[in-house]
């Protein structure tokens, strides 16, 4: 099982509205209404900043403002999981005083 990075599509050119790469198919306009059946499907999205191990006693002593040492450095890509499956890597961003995640690469896993 190997993972490969796939670059994100160029959304400015809207290549998927013309049928994908090369545009061989006629222009078929797609809208959010075409995906209506998927709107109510629950998914769990997790952004993992890093991991650490600690005894339960130390965990119980944590307070607001406590600092944890994680296994990743500042600026390193974070993992994005959907339903406990790694699907992308990204970066933490600040949007109007809130933290967010932007995807920088999509992970394709060959089975």
PDB file of N, CA and C in Angstrom:
ATOM      1  N   UNK A   1       0.847  -1.158   0.000  1.00  0.00           N
ATOM      2  CA  UNK A   1       0.000   0.000   0.000  1.00  0.00           C
ATOM      3  C   UNK A   1       0.897   1.226   0.000  1.00  0.00           C
ATOM      4  N   UNK A   2       0.879   2.016  -1.069  1.00  0.00           N
ATOM      5  CA  UNK A   2       1.695   3.218  -1.153  1.00  0.00           C
ATOM      6  C   UNK A   2       0.795   4.430  -1.301  1.00  0.00           C
ATOM      7  N   UNK A   3       1.259   5.570  -0.759  1.00  0.00           N
ATOM      8  CA  UNK A   3       0.464   6.778  -0.921  1.00  0.00           C
ATOM      9  C   UNK A   3       1.188   7.731  -1.851  1.00  0.00           C
ATOM     10  N   UNK A   4       0.431   8.372  -2.707  1.00  0.00           N
ATOM     11  CA  UNK A   4       0.967   9.286  -3.689  1.00  0.00           C
ATOM     12  C   UNK A   4       0.265  10.619  -3.536  1.00  0.00           C
ATOM     13  N   UNK A   5       0.961  11.701  -3.827  1.00  0.00           N
ATOM     14  CA  UNK A   5       0.367  13.025  -3.762  1.00  0.00           C
ATOM     15  C   UNK A   5      -0.241  13.360  -5.110  1.00  0.00           C
ATOM     16  N   UNK A   6      -1.442  13.916  -5.070  1.00  0.00           N
ATOM     17  CA  UNK A   6      -2.126  14.354  -6.276  1.00  0.00           C
ATOM     18  C   UNK A   6      -2.351  15.844  -6.134  1.00  0.00           C
ATOM     19  N   UNK A   7      -1.905  16.660  -7.101  1.00  0.00           N
ATOM     20  CA  UNK A   7      -2.121  18.100  -6.975  1.00  0.00           C
ATOM     21  C   UNK A   7      -3.607  18.429  -7.056  1.00  0.00           C
ATOM     22  N   UNK A   8      -4.009  19.488  -6.346  1.00  0.00           N
ATOM     23  CA  UNK A   8      -5.399  19.920  -6.366  1.00  0.00           C
ATOM     24  C   UNK A   8      -5.735  20.505  -7.738  1.00  0.00           C
ATOM     25  N   UNK A   9      -6.993  20.393  -8.189  1.00  0.00           N
ATOM     26  CA  UNK A   9      -7.360  20.915  -9.503  1.00  0.00           C
ATOM     27  C   UNK A   9      -7.317  22.434  -9.524  1.00  0.00           C
ATOM     28  N   UNK A  10      -7.116  22.997 -10.715  1.00  0.00           N
ATOM     29  CA  UNK A  10      -7.134  24.440 -10.907  1.00  0.00           C
ATOM     30  C   UNK A  10      -8.581  24.879 -11.002  1.00  0.00           C
ATOM     31  N   UNK A  11      -9.128  25.381  -9.898  1.00  0.00           N
ATOM     32  CA  UNK A  11     -10.545  25.734  -9.853  1.00  0.00           C
ATOM     33  C   UNK A  11     -10.859  26.969 -10.679  1.00  0.00           C
ATOM     34  N   UNK A  12      -9.853  27.791 -10.974  1.00  0.00           N
ATOM     35  CA  UNK A  12     -10.077  28.983 -11.791  1.00  0.00           C
ATOM     36  C   UNK A  12     -10.458  28.594 -13.223  1.00  0.00           C
ATOM     37  N   UNK A  13      -9.873  27.537 -13.750  1.00  0.00           N
ATOM     38  CA  UNK A  13     -10.156  27.114 -15.125  1.00  0.00           C
ATOM     39  C   UNK A  13     -11.405  26.263 -15.210  1.00  0.00           C
ATOM     40  N   UNK A  14     -11.909  25.756 -14.057  1.00  0.00           N
ATOM     41  CA  UNK A  14     -13.133  24.950 -14.000  1.00  0.00           C
ATOM     42  C   UNK A  14     -13.080  23.796 -14.997  1.00  0.00           C
ATOM     43  N   UNK A  15     -11.989  23.032 -14.965  1.00  0.00           N
ATOM     44  CA  UNK A  15     -11.775  21.959 -15.940  1.00  0.00           C
ATOM     45  C   UNK A  15     -12.792  20.842 -15.812  1.00  0.00           C
ATOM     46  N   UNK A  16     -13.407  20.652 -14.640  1.00  0.00           N
ATOM     47  CA  UNK A  16     -14.331  19.550 -14.480  1.00  0.00           C
ATOM     48  C   UNK A  16     -15.692  19.853 -15.072  1.00  0.00           C
ATOM     49  N   UNK A  17     -16.043  21.096 -15.373  1.00  0.00           N
ATOM     50  CA  UNK A  17     -17.322  21.421 -16.012  1.00  0.00           C
ATOM     51  C   UNK A  17     -17.311  21.035 -17.478  1.00  0.00           C
ATOM     52  N   UNK A  18     -16.114  20.913 -18.069  1.00  0.00           N
ATOM     53  CA  UNK A  18     -16.046  20.568 -19.482  1.00  0.00           C
ATOM     54  C   UNK A  18     -15.760  19.087 -19.682  1.00  0.00           C
ATOM     55  N   UNK A  19     -15.946  18.297 -18.657  1.00  0.00           N
ATOM     56  CA  UNK A  19     -15.787  16.860 -18.810  1.00  0.00           C
ATOM     57  C   UNK A  19     -14.439  16.347 -18.378  1.00  0.00           C
ATOM     58  N   UNK A  20     -13.599  17.174 -17.743  1.00  0.00           N
ATOM     59  CA  UNK A  20     -12.312  16.696 -17.241  1.00  0.00           C
ATOM     60  C   UNK A  20     -11.176  17.132 -18.128  1.00  0.00           C
ATOM     61  N   UNK A  21     -10.099  16.367 -18.122  1.00  0.00           N
ATOM     62  CA  UNK A  21      -8.888  16.724 -18.847  1.00  0.00           C
ATOM     63  C   UNK A  21      -9.113  16.688 -20.344  1.00  0.00           C
ATOM     64  N   UNK A  22      -8.694  17.740 -21.026  1.00  0.00           N
ATOM     65  CA  UNK A  22      -8.771  17.767 -22.474  1.00  0.00           C
ATOM     66  C   UNK A  22     -10.085  18.281 -23.005  1.00  0.00           C
ATOM     67  N   UNK A  23     -11.171  18.178 -22.244  1.00  0.00           N
ATOM     68  CA  UNK A  23     -12.465  18.705 -22.663  1.00  0.00           C
ATOM     69  C   UNK A  23     -13.053  17.989 -23.864  1.00  0.00           C
ATOM     70  N   UNK A  24     -12.912  16.656 -23.955  1.00  0.00           N
ATOM     71  CA  UNK A  24     -13.428  15.923 -25.101  1.00  0.00           C
ATOM     72  C   UNK A  24     -14.947  15.884 -25.109  1.00  0.00           C
ATOM     73  N   UNK A  25     -15.583  15.930 -23.932  1.00  0.00           N
ATOM     74  CA  UNK A  25     -17.025  15.817 -23.849  1.00  0.00           C
ATOM     75  C   UNK A  25     -17.661  17.192 -23.986  1.00  0.00           C
ATOM     76  N   UNK A  26     -18.939  17.242 -24.394  1.00  0.00           N
ATOM     77  CA  UNK A  26     -19.603  18.527 -24.494  1.00  0.00           C
ATOM     78  C   UNK A  26     -19.744  19.172 -23.119  1.00  0.00           C
ATOM     79  N   UNK A  27     -19.890  20.493 -23.110  1.00  0.00           N
ATOM     80  CA  UNK A  27     -19.994  21.243 -21.875  1.00  0.00           C
ATOM     81  C   UNK A  27     -21.305  20.915 -21.168  1.00  0.00           C
ATOM     82  N   UNK A  28     -21.242  20.142 -20.092  1.00  0.00           N
ATOM     83  CA  UNK A  28     -22.421  19.804 -19.295  1.00  0.00           C
ATOM     84  C   UNK A  28     -22.283  20.505 -17.967  1.00  0.00           C
ATOM     85  N   UNK A  29     -23.137  21.472 -17.727  1.00  0.00           N
ATOM     86  CA  UNK A  29     -23.065  22.269 -16.508  1.00  0.00           C
ATOM     87  C   UNK A  29     -23.549  21.449 -15.316  1.00  0.00           C
ATOM     88  N   UNK A  30     -22.785  21.442 -14.254  1.00  0.00           N
ATOM     89  CA  UNK A  30     -23.129  20.734 -13.030  1.00  0.00           C
ATOM     90  C   UNK A  30     -23.394  21.779 -11.948  1.00  0.00           C
ATOM     91  N   UNK A  31     -24.312  21.463 -11.048  1.00  0.00           N
ATOM     92  CA  UNK A  31     -24.602  22.373  -9.948  1.00  0.00           C
ATOM     93  C   UNK A  31     -24.703  21.576  -8.655  1.00  0.00           C
ATOM     94  N   UNK A  32     -24.817  22.301  -7.544  1.00  0.00           N
ATOM     95  CA  UNK A  32     -24.939  21.642  -6.245  1.00  0.00           C
ATOM     96  C   UNK A  32     -26.204  20.800  -6.168  1.00  0.00           C
ATOM     97  N   UNK A  33     -27.240  21.154  -6.919  1.00  0.00           N
ATOM     98  CA  UNK A  33     -28.490  20.393  -6.906  1.00  0.00           C
ATOM     99  C   UNK A  33     -28.273  18.959  -7.417  1.00  0.00           C
ATOM    100  N   UNK A  34     -27.274  18.756  -8.278  1.00  0.00           N
ATOM    101  CA  UNK A  34     -26.978  17.421  -8.784  1.00  0.00           C
ATOM    102  C   UNK A  34     -26.456  16.499  -7.687  1.00  0.00           C
ATOM    103  N   UNK A  35     -25.971  17.074  -6.603  1.00  0.00           N
ATOM    104  CA  UNK A  35     -25.419  16.288  -5.496  1.00  0.00           C
ATOM    105  C   UNK A  35     -26.367  16.227  -4.309  1.00  0.00           C
ATOM    106  N   UNK A  36     -27.615  16.606  -4.491  1.00  0.00           N
ATOM    107  CA  UNK A  36     -28.569  16.710  -3.392  1.00  0.00           C
ATOM    108  C   UNK A  36     -28.695  15.413  -2.598  1.00  0.00           C
ATOM    109  N   UNK A  37     -28.568  14.268  -3.232  1.00  0.00           N
ATOM    110  CA  UNK A  37     -28.689  12.988  -2.533  1.00  0.00           C
ATOM    111  C   UNK A  37     -27.585  12.808  -1.487  1.00  0.00           C
ATOM    112  N   UNK A  38     -26.474  13.502  -1.656  1.00  0.00           N
ATOM    113  CA  UNK A  38     -25.343  13.345  -0.745  1.00  0.00           C
ATOM    114  C   UNK A  38     -25.358  14.339   0.410  1.00  0.00           C
ATOM    115  N   UNK A  39     -26.256  15.316   0.401  1.00  0.00           N
ATOM    116  CA  UNK A  39     -26.251  16.372   1.407  1.00  0.00           C
ATOM    117  C   UNK A  39     -26.450  15.845   2.820  1.00  0.00           C
ATOM    118  N   UNK A  40     -27.200  14.795   3.006  1.00  0.00           N
ATOM    119  CA  UNK A  40     -27.505  14.291   4.347  1.00  0.00           C
ATOM    120  C   UNK A  40     -26.627  13.116   4.767  1.00  0.00           C
ATOM    121  N   UNK A  41     -25.591  12.800   4.014  1.00  0.00           N
ATOM    122  CA  UNK A  41     -24.694  11.703   4.380  1.00  0.00           C
ATOM    123  C   UNK A  41     -23.715  12.220   5.435  1.00  0.00           C
ATOM    124  N   UNK A  42     -23.736  11.646   6.644  1.00  0.00           N
ATOM    125  CA  UNK A  42     -22.838  12.135   7.695  1.00  0.00           C
ATOM    126  C   UNK A  42     -21.398  11.679   7.462  1.00  0.00           C
ATOM    127  N   UNK A  43     -20.469  12.589   7.669  1.00  0.00           N
ATOM    128  CA  UNK A  43     -19.042  12.271   7.607  1.00  0.00           C
ATOM    129  C   UNK A  43     -18.361  12.927   8.801  1.00  0.00           C
ATOM    130  N   UNK A  44     -17.278  12.334   9.232  1.00  0.00           N
ATOM    131  CA  UNK A  44     -16.479  12.896  10.309  1.00  0.00           C
ATOM    132  C   UNK A  44     -15.159  13.344   9.713  1.00  0.00           C
ATOM    133  N   UNK A  45     -14.859  14.626   9.854  1.00  0.00           N
ATOM    134  CA  UNK A  45     -13.610  15.188   9.343  1.00  0.00           C
ATOM    135  C   UNK A  45     -12.730  15.544  10.534  1.00  0.00           C
ATOM    136  N   UNK A  46     -11.477  15.077  10.499  1.00  0.00           N
ATOM    137  CA  UNK A  46     -10.521  15.352  11.577  1.00  0.00           C
ATOM    138  C   UNK A  46      -9.250  15.930  10.985  1.00  0.00           C
ATOM    139  N   UNK A  47      -8.728  16.965  11.623  1.00  0.00           N
ATOM    140  CA  UNK A  47      -7.445  17.541  11.245  1.00  0.00           C
ATOM    141  C   UNK A  47      -6.476  17.244  12.387  1.00  0.00           C
ATOM    142  N   UNK A  48      -5.481  16.426  12.119  1.00  0.00           N
ATOM    143  CA  UNK A  48      -4.546  15.982  13.160  1.00  0.00           C
ATOM    144  C   UNK A  48      -3.297  16.852  13.097  1.00  0.00           C
ATOM    145  N   UNK A  49      -3.099  17.646  14.136  1.00  0.00           N
ATOM    146  CA  UNK A  49      -1.933  18.527  14.215  1.00  0.00           C
ATOM    147  C   UNK A  49      -0.678  17.775  14.599  1.00  0.00           C
ATOM    148  N   UNK A  50      -0.838  16.723  15.370  1.00  0.00           N
ATOM    149  CA  UNK A  50       0.285  15.920  15.835  1.00  0.00           C
ATOM    150  C   UNK A  50      -0.191  14.965  16.912  1.00  0.00           C
ATOM    151  N   UNK A  51       0.719  14.160  17.426  1.00  0.00           N
ATOM    152  CA  UNK A  51       0.368  13.174  18.447  1.00  0.00           C
ATOM    153  C   UNK A  51       1.395  13.235  19.565  1.00  0.00           C
ATOM    154  N   UNK A  52       0.960  12.770  20.724  1.00  0.00           N
ATOM    155  CA  UNK A  52       1.858  12.647  21.864  1.00  0.00           C
ATOM    156  C   UNK A  52       1.343  11.533  22.770  1.00  0.00           C
ATOM    157  N   UNK A  53       2.210  11.017  23.617  1.00  0.00           N
ATOM    158  CA  UNK A  53       1.815  10.004  24.596  1.00  0.00           C
ATOM    159  C   UNK A  53       2.085  10.576  25.974  1.00  0.00           C
ATOM    160  N   UNK A  54       1.149  10.301  26.895  1.00  0.00           N
ATOM    161  CA  UNK A  54       1.334  10.743  28.277  1.00  0.00           C
ATOM    162  C   UNK A  54       0.520   9.859  29.192  1.00  0.00           C
ATOM    163  N   UNK A  55       0.970   9.718  30.425  1.00  0.00           N
ATOM    164  CA  UNK A  55       0.204   8.944  31.398  1.00  0.00           C
ATOM    165  C   UNK A  55      -1.125   9.634  31.705  1.00  0.00           C
ATOM    166  N   UNK A  56      -2.121   8.858  32.085  1.00  0.00           N
ATOM    167  CA  UNK A  56      -3.445   9.388  32.398  1.00  0.00           C
ATOM    168  C   UNK A  56      -3.359  10.430  33.515  1.00  0.00           C
ATOM    169  N   UNK A  57      -2.492  10.212  34.477  1.00  0.00           N
ATOM    170  CA  UNK A  57      -2.326  11.168  35.572  1.00  0.00           C
ATOM    171  C   UNK A  57      -1.919  12.547  35.075  1.00  0.00           C
ATOM    172  N   UNK A  58      -0.989  12.590  34.100  1.00  0.00           N
ATOM    173  CA  UNK A  58      -0.569  13.870  33.523  1.00  0.00           C
ATOM    174  C   UNK A  58      -1.697  14.489  32.710  1.00  0.00           C
ATOM    175  N   UNK A  59      -2.465  13.650  32.028  1.00  0.00           N
ATOM    176  CA  UNK A  59      -3.589  14.140  31.240  1.00  0.00           C
ATOM    177  C   UNK A  59      -4.613  14.840  32.132  1.00  0.00           C
ATOM    178  N   UNK A  60      -4.867  14.261  33.313  1.00  0.00           N
ATOM    179  CA  UNK A  60      -5.831  14.839  34.244  1.00  0.00           C
ATOM    180  C   UNK A  60      -5.347  16.163  34.838  1.00  0.00           C
ATOM    181  N   UNK A  61      -4.043  16.403  34.819  1.00  0.00           N
ATOM    182  CA  UNK A  61      -3.479  17.641  35.373  1.00  0.00           C
ATOM    183  C   UNK A  61      -3.486  18.798  34.372  1.00  0.00           C
ATOM    184  N   UNK A  62      -3.852  18.528  33.109  1.00  0.00           N
ATOM    185  CA  UNK A  62      -3.854  19.595  32.104  1.00  0.00           C
ATOM    186  C   UNK A  62      -4.901  20.649  32.433  1.00  0.00           C
ATOM    187  N   UNK A  63      -4.559  21.895  32.185  1.00  0.00           N
ATOM    188  CA  UNK A  63      -5.455  23.020  32.410  1.00  0.00           C
ATOM    189  C   UNK A  63      -5.488  23.869  31.148  1.00  0.00           C
ATOM    190  N   UNK A  64      -6.447  24.786  31.029  1.00  0.00           N
ATOM    191  CA  UNK A  64      -6.425  25.716  29.899  1.00  0.00           C
ATOM    192  C   UNK A  64      -5.096  26.473  29.868  1.00  0.00           C
ATOM    193  N   UNK A  65      -4.473  26.520  28.728  1.00  0.00           N
ATOM    194  CA  UNK A  65      -3.178  27.181  28.586  1.00  0.00           C
ATOM    195  C   UNK A  65      -1.998  26.243  28.697  1.00  0.00           C
ATOM    196  N   UNK A  66      -2.246  24.966  29.034  1.00  0.00           N
ATOM    197  CA  UNK A  66      -1.161  23.990  29.100  1.00  0.00           C
ATOM    198  C   UNK A  66      -0.579  23.779  27.708  1.00  0.00           C
ATOM    199  N   UNK A  67       0.716  23.500  27.647  1.00  0.00           N
ATOM    200  CA  UNK A  67       1.409  23.286  26.376  1.00  0.00           C
ATOM    201  C   UNK A  67       1.806  21.816  26.282  1.00  0.00           C
ATOM    202  N   UNK A  68       1.496  21.208  25.134  1.00  0.00           N
ATOM    203  CA  UNK A  68       1.858  19.815  24.883  1.00  0.00           C
ATOM    204  C   UNK A  68       2.919  19.758  23.800  1.00  0.00           C
ATOM    205  N   UNK A  69       3.912  18.903  23.972  1.00  0.00           N
ATOM    206  CA  UNK A  69       4.895  18.657  22.924  1.00  0.00           C
ATOM    207  C   UNK A  69       4.327  17.608  21.982  1.00  0.00           C
ATOM    208  N   UNK A  70       4.212  17.959  20.705  1.00  0.00           N
ATOM    209  CA  UNK A  70       3.701  17.033  19.698  1.00  0.00           C
ATOM    210  C   UNK A  70       4.848  16.483  18.869  1.00  0.00           C
ATOM    211  N   UNK A  71       4.559  15.462  18.066  1.00  0.00           N
ATOM    212  CA  UNK A  71       5.588  14.820  17.259  1.00  0.00           C
ATOM    213  C   UNK A  71       5.844  15.538  15.929  1.00  0.00           C
ATOM    214  N   UNK A  72       5.313  16.737  15.752  1.00  0.00           N
ATOM    215  CA  UNK A  72       5.526  17.507  14.523  1.00  0.00           C
ATOM    216  C   UNK A  72       6.022  18.898  14.862  1.00  0.00           C
ATOM    217  N   UNK A  73       6.688  19.507  13.890  1.00  0.00           N
ATOM    218  CA  UNK A  73       7.209  20.855  14.059  1.00  0.00           C
ATOM    219  C   UNK A  73       6.219  21.886  13.532  1.00  0.00           C
ATOM    220  N   UNK A  74       6.381  23.120  13.954  1.00  0.00           N
ATOM    221  CA  UNK A  74       5.564  24.223  13.449  1.00  0.00           C
ATOM    222  C   UNK A  74       5.798  24.352  11.944  1.00  0.00           C
ATOM    223  N   UNK A  75       4.732  24.520  11.187  1.00  0.00           N
ATOM    224  CA  UNK A  75       4.841  24.670   9.741  1.00  0.00           C
ATOM    225  C   UNK A  75       4.784  23.364   8.972  1.00  0.00           C
ATOM    226  N   UNK A  76       4.871  22.251   9.666  1.00  0.00           N
ATOM    227  CA  UNK A  76       4.798  20.944   9.009  1.00  0.00           C
ATOM    228  C   UNK A  76       3.342  20.649   8.633  1.00  0.00           C
ATOM    229  N   UNK A  77       3.128  19.944   7.543  1.00  0.00           N
ATOM    230  CA  UNK A  77       1.776  19.630   7.071  1.00  0.00           C
ATOM    231  C   UNK A  77       1.014  18.808   8.109  1.00  0.00           C
ATOM    232  N   UNK A  78      -0.293  19.049   8.187  1.00  0.00           N
ATOM    233  CA  UNK A  78      -1.151  18.274   9.077  1.00  0.00           C
ATOM    234  C   UNK A  78      -1.896  17.236   8.253  1.00  0.00           C
ATOM    235  N   UNK A  79      -2.363  16.188   8.899  1.00  0.00           N
ATOM    236  CA  UNK A  79      -3.122  15.134   8.221  1.00  0.00           C
ATOM    237  C   UNK A  79      -4.610  15.430   8.338  1.00  0.00           C
ATOM    238  N   UNK A  80      -5.350  15.217   7.245  1.00  0.00           N
ATOM    239  CA  UNK A  80      -6.795  15.412   7.229  1.00  0.00           C
ATOM    240  C   UNK A  80      -7.439  14.062   6.967  1.00  0.00           C
ATOM    241  N   UNK A  81      -8.280  13.645   7.910  1.00  0.00           N
ATOM    242  CA  UNK A  81      -8.959  12.354   7.827  1.00  0.00           C
ATOM    243  C   UNK A  81     -10.449  12.578   7.600  1.00  0.00           C
ATOM    244  N   UNK A  82     -11.053  11.734   6.762  1.00  0.00           N
ATOM    245  CA  UNK A  82     -12.503  11.703   6.595  1.00  0.00           C
ATOM    246  C   UNK A  82     -12.938  10.289   6.936  1.00  0.00           C
ATOM    247  N   UNK A  83     -13.813  10.173   7.936  1.00  0.00           N
ATOM    248  CA  UNK A  83     -14.257   8.869   8.438  1.00  0.00           C
ATOM    249  C   UNK A  83     -13.065   7.962   8.747  1.00  0.00           C
ATOM    250  N   UNK A  84     -12.082   8.505   9.462  1.00  0.00           N
ATOM    251  CA  UNK A  84     -10.879   7.787   9.907  1.00  0.00           C
ATOM    252  C   UNK A  84      -9.993   7.292   8.771  1.00  0.00           C
ATOM    253  N   UNK A  85     -10.105   7.894   7.604  1.00  0.00           N
ATOM    254  CA  UNK A  85      -9.260   7.528   6.471  1.00  0.00           C
ATOM    255  C   UNK A  85      -8.485   8.759   6.018  1.00  0.00           C
ATOM    256  N   UNK A  86      -7.164   8.632   5.916  1.00  0.00           N
ATOM    257  CA  UNK A  86      -6.324   9.736   5.492  1.00  0.00           C
ATOM    258  C   UNK A  86      -6.648  10.091   4.048  1.00  0.00           C
ATOM    259  N   UNK A  87      -7.086  11.324   3.802  1.00  0.00           N
ATOM    260  CA  UNK A  87      -7.459  11.731   2.448  1.00  0.00           C
ATOM    261  C   UNK A  87      -6.652  12.919   1.937  1.00  0.00           C
ATOM    262  N   UNK A  88      -6.040  13.692   2.844  1.00  0.00           N
ATOM    263  CA  UNK A  88      -5.329  14.883   2.392  1.00  0.00           C
ATOM    264  C   UNK A  88      -4.342  15.347   3.449  1.00  0.00           C
ATOM    265  N   UNK A  89      -3.488  16.278   3.036  1.00  0.00           N
ATOM    266  CA  UNK A  89      -2.607  16.992   3.957  1.00  0.00           C
ATOM    267  C   UNK A  89      -2.865  18.479   3.747  1.00  0.00           C
ATOM    268  N   UNK A  90      -2.606  19.250   4.763  1.00  0.00           N
ATOM    269  CA  UNK A  90      -2.901  20.665   4.639  1.00  0.00           C
ATOM    270  C   UNK A  90      -2.136  21.505   5.632  1.00  0.00           C
ATOM    271  N   UNK A  91      -2.568  22.777   5.723  1.00  0.00           N
ATOM    272  CA  UNK A  91      -1.941  23.743   6.607  1.00  0.00           C
ATOM    273  C   UNK A  91      -3.008  24.403   7.468  1.00  0.00           C
ATOM    274  N   UNK A  92      -2.618  24.805   8.663  1.00  0.00           N
ATOM    275  CA  UNK A  92      -3.513  25.548   9.543  1.00  0.00           C
ATOM    276  C   UNK A  92      -3.463  27.011   9.120  1.00  0.00           C
ATOM    277  N   UNK A  93      -4.641  27.637   9.002  1.00  0.00           N
ATOM    278  CA  UNK A  93      -4.734  29.038   8.622  1.00  0.00           C
ATOM    279  C   UNK A  93      -5.604  29.776   9.631  1.00  0.00           C
ATOM    280  N   UNK A  94      -5.437  31.078   9.686  1.00  0.00           N
ATOM    281  CA  UNK A  94      -6.241  31.926  10.547  1.00  0.00           C
ATOM    282  C   UNK A  94      -7.200  32.716   9.670  1.00  0.00           C
ATOM    283  N   UNK A  95      -8.512  32.552   9.907  1.00  0.00           N
ATOM    284  CA  UNK A  95      -9.533  33.233   9.127  1.00  0.00           C
ATOM    285  C   UNK A  95     -10.433  33.989  10.099  1.00  0.00           C
ATOM    286  N   UNK A  96     -10.330  35.317  10.096  1.00  0.00           N
ATOM    287  CA  UNK A  96     -11.147  36.159  10.957  1.00  0.00           C
ATOM    288  C   UNK A  96     -11.159  35.671  12.402  1.00  0.00           C
ATOM    289  N   UNK A  97     -10.010  35.562  13.011  1.00  0.00           N
ATOM    290  CA  UNK A  97      -9.847  35.156  14.413  1.00  0.00           C
ATOM    291  C   UNK A  97     -10.272  33.718  14.702  1.00  0.00           C
ATOM    292  N   UNK A  98     -10.434  32.885  13.678  1.00  0.00           N
ATOM    293  CA  UNK A  98     -10.750  31.470  13.870  1.00  0.00           C
ATOM    294  C   UNK A  98      -9.717  30.645  13.117  1.00  0.00           C
ATOM    295  N   UNK A  99      -9.415  29.472  13.693  1.00  0.00           N
ATOM    296  CA  UNK A  99      -8.490  28.566  13.015  1.00  0.00           C
ATOM    297  C   UNK A  99      -9.228  27.771  11.954  1.00  0.00           C
ATOM    298  N   UNK A 100      -8.573  27.544  10.835  1.00  0.00           N
ATOM    299  CA  UNK A 100      -9.133  26.737   9.763  1.00  0.00           C
ATOM    300  C   UNK A 100      -8.044  25.863   9.177  1.00  0.00           C
ATOM    301  N   UNK A 101      -8.420  25.058   8.219  1.00  0.00           N
ATOM    302  CA  UNK A 101      -7.477  24.162   7.550  1.00  0.00           C
ATOM    303  C   UNK A 101      -7.655  24.323   6.053  1.00  0.00           C
ATOM    304  N   UNK A 102      -6.571  24.467   5.343  1.00  0.00           N
ATOM    305  CA  UNK A 102      -6.612  24.486   3.888  1.00  0.00           C
ATOM    306  C   UNK A 102      -5.871  23.258   3.374  1.00  0.00           C
ATOM    307  N   UNK A 103      -6.474  22.551   2.413  1.00  0.00           N
ATOM    308  CA  UNK A 103      -5.846  21.346   1.864  1.00  0.00           C
ATOM    309  C   UNK A 103      -4.797  21.755   0.839  1.00  0.00           C
ATOM    310  N   UNK A 104      -3.622  21.163   0.947  1.00  0.00           N
ATOM    311  CA  UNK A 104      -2.548  21.442   0.000  1.00  0.00           C
ATOM    312  C   UNK A 104      -2.260  20.263  -0.920  1.00  0.00           C
ATOM    313  N   UNK A 105      -2.639  19.065  -0.508  1.00  0.00           N
ATOM    314  CA  UNK A 105      -2.466  17.894  -1.366  1.00  0.00           C
ATOM    315  C   UNK A 105      -3.483  16.822  -0.988  1.00  0.00           C
ATOM    316  N   UNK A 106      -3.921  16.087  -1.988  1.00  0.00           N
ATOM    317  CA  UNK A 106      -4.853  14.985  -1.791  1.00  0.00           C
ATOM    318  C   UNK A 106      -4.066  13.682  -1.847  1.00  0.00           C
ATOM    319  N   UNK A 107      -4.348  12.779  -0.930  1.00  0.00           N
ATOM    320  CA  UNK A 107      -3.615  11.514  -0.851  1.00  0.00           C
ATOM    321  C   UNK A 107      -4.395  10.433  -1.572  1.00  0.00           C
ATOM    322  N   UNK A 108      -3.740   9.771  -2.504  1.00  0.00           N
ATOM    323  CA  UNK A 108      -4.346   8.641  -3.207  1.00  0.00           C
ATOM    324  C   UNK A 108      -3.649   7.378  -2.710  1.00  0.00           C
ATOM    325  N   UNK A 109      -4.454   6.445  -2.227  1.00  0.00           N
ATOM    326  CA  UNK A 109      -3.908   5.189  -1.710  1.00  0.00           C
ATOM    327  C   UNK A 109      -4.237   4.081  -2.694  1.00  0.00           C
ATOM    328  N   UNK A 110      -3.192   3.434  -3.209  1.00  0.00           N
ATOM    329  CA  UNK A 110      -3.383   2.301  -4.122  1.00  0.00           C
ATOM    330  C   UNK A 110      -3.663   1.058  -3.305  1.00  0.00           C
ATOM    331  N   UNK A 111      -4.699   0.315  -3.707  1.00  0.00           N
ATOM    332  CA  UNK A 111      -5.054  -0.907  -2.970  1.00  0.00           C
ATOM    333  C   UNK A 111      -4.556  -2.110  -3.699  1.00  0.00           C
TER     334      UNK A 111
END
